[in-house]
Amino acid sequence: MGRHKTNIDWEKVNKYLQAQCDGTGIAGLLGIHPNTLYRLCEEKYKMSFSEYSAQKKTEGKELLRAKQYQVAMSGDKTMLVWCGKQYLNQTDRRNITITDDIDKTREREIFLSKMRRVSENQDEQPDGDIHKDEE
């Protein structure tokens, strides 16, 4: 007594592969053992399931890319921005100012110099008042 014939809906398998599903998951969805799926793929398509899967997954990615383009071209601004970033290397602009240590040191020196001058001016006045009243 031999095995019973397993019928696989290859259109369904193709859709799952295009959706980036893996063979084990697809076999589970079909209610068969993964090895059965792999063996029947080799019998039907004369290639390993890995090769077949890679082809269908690539098709899926290309279909997704085409659909994204279609949505963007229909006027979806979010998708236009996303496609621009993905395919045209566009980016959001960010204005970032970086002050390096040299600039900070120079600013500190200027501040300390001003403070010394103020301090020296106060030392010259006996009451410590910066403003000198003229009499």
C-alpha atoms as a PDB file:
ATOM      1  CA  MET A   1       0.000   0.000   0.000  1.00  0.00           C
ATOM      2  CA  GLY A   2       1.505   3.350  -1.088  1.00  0.00           C
ATOM      3  CA  ARG A   3       1.082   6.905   0.034  1.00  0.00           C
ATOM      4  CA  HIS A   4      -2.067   8.780  -0.743  1.00  0.00           C
ATOM      5  CA  LYS A   5      -1.748  11.539  -3.311  1.00  0.00           C
ATOM      6  CA  THR A   6      -1.341  14.978  -1.723  1.00  0.00           C
ATOM      7  CA  ASN A   7      -2.806  17.815  -3.736  1.00  0.00           C
ATOM      8  CA  ILE A   8      -1.247  21.184  -3.141  1.00  0.00           C
ATOM      9  CA  ASP A   9      -2.841  24.450  -4.188  1.00  0.00           C
ATOM     10  CA  TRP A  10       0.287  25.992  -5.682  1.00  0.00           C
ATOM     11  CA  GLU A  11      -1.420  29.349  -6.203  1.00  0.00           C
ATOM     12  CA  LYS A  12      -1.941  29.482  -2.440  1.00  0.00           C
ATOM     13  CA  VAL A  13       1.686  28.471  -1.844  1.00  0.00           C
ATOM     14  CA  ASN A  14       2.829  31.189  -4.244  1.00  0.00           C
ATOM     15  CA  LYS A  15       0.778  33.836  -2.417  1.00  0.00           C
ATOM     16  CA  TYR A  16       2.217  32.753   0.944  1.00  0.00           C
ATOM     17  CA  LEU A  17       5.751  32.845  -0.445  1.00  0.00           C
ATOM     18  CA  GLN A  18       5.158  36.272  -1.981  1.00  0.00           C
ATOM     19  CA  ALA A  19       4.037  37.361   1.485  1.00  0.00           C
ATOM     20  CA  GLN A  20       7.476  36.180   2.720  1.00  0.00           C
ATOM     21  CA  CYS A  21       6.151  33.126   4.625  1.00  0.00           C
ATOM     22  CA  ASP A  22       8.549  30.219   5.066  1.00  0.00           C
ATOM     23  CA  GLY A  23       8.109  26.598   3.993  1.00  0.00           C
ATOM     24  CA  THR A  24       7.476  25.254   7.480  1.00  0.00           C
ATOM     25  CA  GLY A  25       4.739  27.813   8.085  1.00  0.00           C
ATOM     26  CA  ILE A  26       3.153  27.196   4.695  1.00  0.00           C
ATOM     27  CA  ALA A  27       3.182  23.439   5.250  1.00  0.00           C
ATOM     28  CA  GLY A  28       1.441  24.012   8.571  1.00  0.00           C
ATOM     29  CA  LEU A  29      -1.209  26.156   6.911  1.00  0.00           C
ATOM     30  CA  LEU A  30      -1.761  23.438   4.299  1.00  0.00           C
ATOM     31  CA  GLY A  31      -1.887  20.698   6.934  1.00  0.00           C
ATOM     32  CA  ILE A  32       1.057  18.751   5.541  1.00  0.00           C
ATOM     33  CA  HIS A  33       4.596  17.960   6.656  1.00  0.00           C
ATOM     34  CA  PRO A  34       7.256  20.385   5.384  1.00  0.00           C
ATOM     35  CA  ASN A  35       9.166  17.534   3.731  1.00  0.00           C
ATOM     36  CA  THR A  36       6.063  16.713   1.699  1.00  0.00           C
ATOM     37  CA  LEU A  37       5.913  20.297   0.445  1.00  0.00           C
ATOM     38  CA  TYR A  38       9.618  20.271  -0.405  1.00  0.00           C
ATOM     39  CA  ARG A  39       9.422  16.904  -2.209  1.00  0.00           C
ATOM     40  CA  LEU A  40       6.344  17.841  -4.251  1.00  0.00           C
ATOM     41  CA  CYS A  41       7.957  21.150  -5.226  1.00  0.00           C
ATOM     42  CA  GLU A  42      10.959  19.276  -6.612  1.00  0.00           C
ATOM     43  CA  GLU A  43       8.683  16.877  -8.497  1.00  0.00           C
ATOM     44  CA  LYS A  44       6.516  19.617 -10.003  1.00  0.00           C
ATOM     45  CA  TYR A  45       9.025  22.402 -10.676  1.00  0.00           C
ATOM     46  CA  LYS A  46      12.288  20.442 -10.976  1.00  0.00           C
ATOM     47  CA  MET A  47      14.027  22.681  -8.459  1.00  0.00           C
ATOM     48  CA  SER A  48      14.560  22.711  -4.718  1.00  0.00           C
ATOM     49  CA  PHE A  49      12.020  24.417  -2.515  1.00  0.00           C
ATOM     50  CA  SER A  50      14.749  26.895  -1.506  1.00  0.00           C
ATOM     51  CA  GLU A  51      15.199  27.976  -5.133  1.00  0.00           C
ATOM     52  CA  TYR A  52      11.447  28.101  -5.766  1.00  0.00           C
ATOM     53  CA  SER A  53      10.879  30.004  -2.530  1.00  0.00           C
ATOM     54  CA  ALA A  54      13.573  32.571  -3.370  1.00  0.00           C
ATOM     55  CA  GLN A  55      11.956  33.258  -6.762  1.00  0.00           C
ATOM     56  CA  LYS A  56       8.473  33.734  -5.289  1.00  0.00           C
ATOM     57  CA  LYS A  57       9.712  35.858  -2.386  1.00  0.00           C
ATOM     58  CA  THR A  58      11.517  38.119  -4.836  1.00  0.00           C
ATOM     59  CA  GLU A  59       8.299  38.422  -6.861  1.00  0.00           C
ATOM     60  CA  GLY A  60       6.480  39.371  -3.661  1.00  0.00           C
ATOM     61  CA  LYS A  61       8.969  42.108  -2.844  1.00  0.00           C
ATOM     62  CA  GLU A  62       8.696  43.510  -6.359  1.00  0.00           C
ATOM     63  CA  LEU A  63       4.887  43.417  -6.230  1.00  0.00           C
ATOM     64  CA  LEU A  64       4.997  45.256  -2.907  1.00  0.00           C
ATOM     65  CA  ARG A  65       7.384  47.854  -4.324  1.00  0.00           C
ATOM     66  CA  ALA A  66       5.085  48.357  -7.329  1.00  0.00           C
ATOM     67  CA  LYS A  67       2.032  48.713  -5.071  1.00  0.00           C
ATOM     68  CA  GLN A  68       3.824  51.276  -2.889  1.00  0.00           C
ATOM     69  CA  TYR A  69       4.702  53.220  -6.003  1.00  0.00           C
ATOM     70  CA  GLN A  70       1.104  53.014  -7.205  1.00  0.00           C
ATOM     71  CA  VAL A  71      -0.209  54.297  -3.855  1.00  0.00           C
ATOM     72  CA  ALA A  72       2.365  57.092  -3.829  1.00  0.00           C
ATOM     73  CA  MET A  73       1.515  58.132  -7.372  1.00  0.00           C
ATOM     74  CA  SER A  74      -2.174  58.229  -6.504  1.00  0.00           C
ATOM     75  CA  GLY A  75      -1.308  61.149  -4.222  1.00  0.00           C
ATOM     76  CA  ASP A  76      -0.686  59.570  -0.820  1.00  0.00           C
ATOM     77  CA  LYS A  77       1.765  62.115   0.606  1.00  0.00           C
ATOM     78  CA  THR A  78       3.044  59.834   3.337  1.00  0.00           C
ATOM     79  CA  MET A  79       3.863  57.148   0.793  1.00  0.00           C
ATOM     80  CA  LEU A  80       5.476  59.730  -1.501  1.00  0.00           C
ATOM     81  CA  VAL A  81       7.791  60.794   1.326  1.00  0.00           C
ATOM     82  CA  TRP A  82       8.519  57.182   2.265  1.00  0.00           C
ATOM     83  CA  CYS A  83       9.304  56.197  -1.338  1.00  0.00           C
ATOM     84  CA  GLY A  84      11.518  59.264  -1.713  1.00  0.00           C
ATOM     85  CA  LYS A  85      13.520  58.226   1.333  1.00  0.00           C
ATOM     86  CA  GLN A  86      13.758  54.586   0.230  1.00  0.00           C
ATOM     87  CA  TYR A  87      14.521  54.985  -3.453  1.00  0.00           C
ATOM     88  CA  LEU A  88      15.906  58.493  -3.852  1.00  0.00           C
ATOM     89  CA  ASN A  89      17.997  58.725  -0.661  1.00  0.00           C
ATOM     90  CA  GLN A  90      16.016  61.738   0.488  1.00  0.00           C
ATOM     91  CA  THR A  91      16.183  62.617   4.171  1.00  0.00           C
ATOM     92  CA  ASP A  92      14.576  64.914   6.683  1.00  0.00           C
ATOM     93  CA  ARG A  93      16.707  67.950   7.352  1.00  0.00           C
ATOM     94  CA  ARG A  94      17.857  68.520  10.860  1.00  0.00           C
ATOM     95  CA  ASN A  95      19.765  71.594  11.905  1.00  0.00           C
ATOM     96  CA  ILE A  96      22.156  70.484  14.586  1.00  0.00           C
ATOM     97  CA  THR A  97      24.695  72.889  16.031  1.00  0.00           C
ATOM     98  CA  ILE A  98      27.666  71.251  17.620  1.00  0.00           C
ATOM     99  CA  THR A  99      29.895  73.323  19.826  1.00  0.00           C
ATOM    100  CA  ASP A 100      33.206  71.645  20.270  1.00  0.00           C
ATOM    101  CA  ASP A 101      35.474  71.868  23.311  1.00  0.00           C
ATOM    102  CA  ILE A 102      37.647  74.552  21.723  1.00  0.00           C
ATOM    103  CA  ASP A 103      34.663  76.900  21.401  1.00  0.00           C
ATOM    104  CA  LYS A 104      33.616  76.194  24.986  1.00  0.00           C
ATOM    105  CA  THR A 105      37.128  76.846  26.273  1.00  0.00           C
ATOM    106  CA  ARG A 106      37.316  80.136  24.367  1.00  0.00           C
ATOM    107  CA  GLU A 107      33.912  81.231  25.691  1.00  0.00           C
ATOM    108  CA  ARG A 108      35.011  80.359  29.244  1.00  0.00           C
ATOM    109  CA  GLU A 109      38.225  82.400  28.840  1.00  0.00           C
ATOM    110  CA  ILE A 110      36.268  85.433  27.624  1.00  0.00           C
ATOM    111  CA  PHE A 111      33.807  85.141  30.507  1.00  0.00           C
ATOM    112  CA  LEU A 112      36.583  84.825  33.117  1.00  0.00           C
ATOM    113  CA  SER A 113      38.418  87.772  31.598  1.00  0.00           C
ATOM    114  CA  LYS A 114      35.301  89.949  31.893  1.00  0.00           C
ATOM    115  CA  MET A 115      34.753  88.801  35.472  1.00  0.00           C
ATOM    116  CA  ARG A 116      38.363  89.732  36.399  1.00  0.00           C
ATOM    117  CA  ARG A 117      37.894  93.199  34.935  1.00  0.00           C
ATOM    118  CA  VAL A 118      34.668  93.689  36.889  1.00  0.00           C
ATOM    119  CA  SER A 119      36.389  92.429  40.032  1.00  0.00           C
ATOM    120  CA  GLU A 120      39.374  94.746  39.510  1.00  0.00           C
ATOM    121  CA  ASN A 121      37.050  97.711  39.023  1.00  0.00           C
ATOM    122  CA  GLN A 122      35.256  96.886  42.288  1.00  0.00           C
ATOM    123  CA  ASP A 123      38.574  96.629  44.161  1.00  0.00           C
ATOM    124  CA  GLU A 124      39.441 100.176  43.122  1.00  0.00           C
ATOM    125  CA  GLN A 125      36.276 101.582  44.726  1.00  0.00           C
ATOM    126  CA  PRO A 126      36.290 101.615  48.569  1.00  0.00           C
ATOM    127  CA  ASP A 127      32.544 100.984  48.997  1.00  0.00           C
ATOM    128  CA  GLY A 128      32.488  98.191  46.429  1.00  0.00           C
ATOM    129  CA  ASP A 129      29.956 100.126  44.369  1.00  0.00           C
ATOM    130  CA  ILE A 130      30.524  99.772  40.677  1.00  0.00           C
ATOM    131  CA  HIS A 131      28.884 103.130  39.916  1.00  0.00           C
ATOM    132  CA  LYS A 132      30.852 106.095  41.087  1.00  0.00           C
ATOM    133  CA  ASP A 133      28.848 109.161  41.876  1.00  0.00           C
ATOM    134  CA  GLU A 134      30.428 112.354  40.706  1.00  0.00           C
ATOM    135  CA  GLU A 135      30.238 115.232  43.152  1.00  0.00           C
END
